[in-house]
Protein backbone atom coordinates (compact mmCIF):
# COMPACT_ATOMS: atom_id res chain seq x y z
CA UNK A 1 106.87 107.48 89.24
CA UNK A 2 103.40 106.98 87.29
CA UNK A 3 102.37 105.41 90.26
CA UNK A 4 103.24 108.31 92.50
CA UNK A 5 101.88 110.69 90.35
CA UNK A 6 98.80 109.72 89.62
CA UNK A 7 97.58 109.82 93.20
CA UNK A 8 98.54 113.61 93.76
CA UNK A 9 96.52 116.47 92.70
CA UNK A 10 97.48 117.79 89.23
CA UNK A 11 99.19 114.54 89.00
CA UNK A 12 102.19 115.48 90.59
CA UNK A 13 102.73 118.90 89.51
CA UNK A 14 105.13 120.84 92.01
CA UNK A 15 106.62 117.47 93.60
CA UNK A 16 109.95 116.51 93.98
CA UNK A 17 110.82 112.68 92.41
CA UNK A 18 113.97 111.14 92.95
CA UNK A 19 115.79 107.93 92.18
CA UNK A 20 115.88 105.31 95.16
CA UNK A 21 119.59 105.66 94.28
CA UNK A 22 119.56 109.51 94.41
CA UNK A 23 120.64 111.52 97.43
CA UNK A 24 117.86 113.70 98.81
CA UNK A 25 118.81 117.08 97.23
CA UNK A 26 119.31 115.54 93.92
CA UNK A 27 115.87 115.33 92.30
CA UNK A 28 113.60 116.40 89.36
CA UNK A 29 110.72 119.30 90.23
CA UNK A 30 107.80 117.98 88.22
CA UNK A 31 106.49 121.10 86.13
CA UNK A 32 103.81 119.58 83.43
CA UNK A 33 102.58 116.59 83.08
CA UNK A 34 100.84 114.96 79.75
CA UNK A 35 98.17 111.68 80.92
CA UNK A 36 97.05 109.62 78.32
CA UNK A 37 95.27 106.53 78.73
CA UNK A 38 96.64 103.94 76.74
CA UNK A 39 93.78 101.57 75.11
CA UNK A 40 93.51 98.08 76.18
CA UNK A 41 96.10 96.13 74.20
CA UNK A 42 95.56 92.94 76.32
CA UNK A 43 92.47 92.49 77.16
CA UNK A 44 89.25 93.87 75.60
CA UNK A 45 87.37 96.61 76.98
CA UNK A 46 84.25 94.03 77.70
CA UNK A 47 86.64 91.57 79.87
CA UNK A 48 85.99 91.75 83.82
CA UNK A 49 88.86 93.96 85.91
CA UNK A 50 90.35 94.99 82.44
CA UNK A 51 91.92 98.50 82.98
CA UNK A 52 93.38 100.68 81.04
CA UNK A 53 97.21 101.54 81.09
CA UNK A 54 97.95 104.78 82.43
CA UNK A 55 101.09 106.28 80.40
CA UNK A 56 101.84 110.14 80.78
CA UNK A 57 105.09 112.21 79.16
CA UNK A 58 106.40 114.17 82.36
CA UNK A 59 108.34 116.90 82.61
CA UNK A 60 110.52 118.96 85.10
CA UNK A 61 113.77 120.51 85.86
CA UNK A 62 116.34 118.74 87.64
CA UNK A 63 118.39 119.44 90.28
CA UNK A 64 121.89 117.65 91.18
CA UNK A 65 123.15 117.65 94.47
CA UNK A 66 120.46 121.12 95.23
CA UNK A 67 121.84 122.93 91.84
CA UNK A 68 119.79 123.34 89.03
CA UNK A 69 121.45 121.69 86.10
CA UNK A 70 120.57 124.11 83.00
CA UNK A 71 117.51 125.67 84.74
CA UNK A 72 115.26 124.32 81.77
CA UNK A 73 112.31 122.35 81.67
CA UNK A 74 112.88 119.07 80.03
CA UNK A 75 111.25 115.97 79.73
CA UNK A 76 111.92 112.68 81.94
CA UNK A 77 113.31 110.24 80.26
CA UNK A 78 112.98 106.39 82.38
CA UNK A 79 109.85 107.74 84.11
CA UNK A 80 108.18 104.32 83.21
CA UNK A 81 110.60 102.91 85.61
CA UNK A 82 110.99 100.81 89.07
CA UNK A 83 112.83 102.99 91.90
CA UNK A 84 111.30 106.47 92.25
CA UNK A 85 110.20 107.77 95.25
CA UNK A 86 108.75 111.61 96.26
CA UNK A 87 110.95 113.35 98.21
CA UNK A 88 111.03 116.92 100.36
CA UNK A 89 107.70 115.78 101.71
CA UNK A 90 106.59 118.36 104.06
CA UNK A 91 103.34 120.55 103.97
CA UNK A 92 102.55 119.83 100.20
CA UNK A 93 99.09 122.28 100.38
CA UNK A 94 101.97 125.16 101.14
CA UNK A 95 104.59 123.72 98.67
CA UNK A 96 101.20 123.76 96.07
CA UNK A 97 99.97 127.20 96.38
CA UNK A 98 103.54 128.50 96.40
CA UNK A 99 104.10 127.03 93.23
CA UNK A 100 101.16 127.11 91.41
CA UNK A 101 101.92 131.69 92.45
CA UNK A 102 105.29 131.05 90.96
CA UNK A 103 103.90 129.89 87.85
CA UNK A 104 101.28 132.56 87.56
CA UNK A 105 103.67 135.13 88.18
CA UNK A 106 105.79 133.38 85.16
CA UNK A 107 102.78 133.04 83.11
CA UNK A 108 101.82 137.36 83.67
CA UNK A 109 105.55 138.27 82.40
CA UNK A 110 105.39 135.86 79.64
CA UNK A 111 101.67 137.76 78.28
CA UNK A 112 103.18 141.47 79.43
CA UNK A 113 101.01 144.03 78.94
CA UNK A 114 98.14 142.16 77.46
CA UNK A 115 97.52 140.31 80.78
CA UNK A 116 98.11 143.20 82.76
CA UNK A 117 96.12 145.58 80.68
CA UNK A 118 92.90 142.79 81.07
CA UNK A 119 91.35 143.59 84.69
CA UNK A 120 89.12 140.57 86.31
CA UNK A 121 85.81 141.59 87.54
CA UNK A 122 86.83 140.58 90.83
CA UNK A 123 89.20 143.81 90.82
CA UNK A 124 86.44 146.25 90.05
CA UNK A 125 85.16 148.40 92.20
CA UNK A 126 81.26 149.25 92.92
CA UNK A 127 79.63 152.00 92.24
CA UNK A 128 78.94 154.11 95.41
CA UNK A 129 75.66 153.97 96.62
CA UNK A 130 73.22 157.24 96.27
CA UNK A 131 71.18 157.88 99.18
C-alpha cells in the first residue's frame, strides 16, 4: 500500500485502497497517514545506493460492499503487505477537493463557536474610498 500512497499528494489521503481479492465496493478510504523514515538497518548512510526505509501508520474508514463497517476511523493493519490496489480512480483532483472540503467542515464543527468567531482577513471588507 505504501508504494502507491508514497507517490500521491498528501500520501494518498482521500483515496480508496482495496486488497486484490476484494470486490471494488469493498475498500479502505484513507483519512490520515503518519509517515516516518526508518533508519538504515542493513546499510550505513555513506554506502552508495543505500536508501532509507519508508514506514507509516495509515488510518481510514473501512467500507464493505459499499457500506461503512463502523463509520469510525481505524488503523489499517497489513498495509505493508503486497496485494493492495487503488480503486475508484476517476477525477482524483475533484475527489480530493471534495474530501478536503468535507474534512474542513468536520473540523469547523469540532471547533464550534471558537472557529466561527475568528474571521480571516480575506473575509473583511475594505473601508470605502473617500473622495
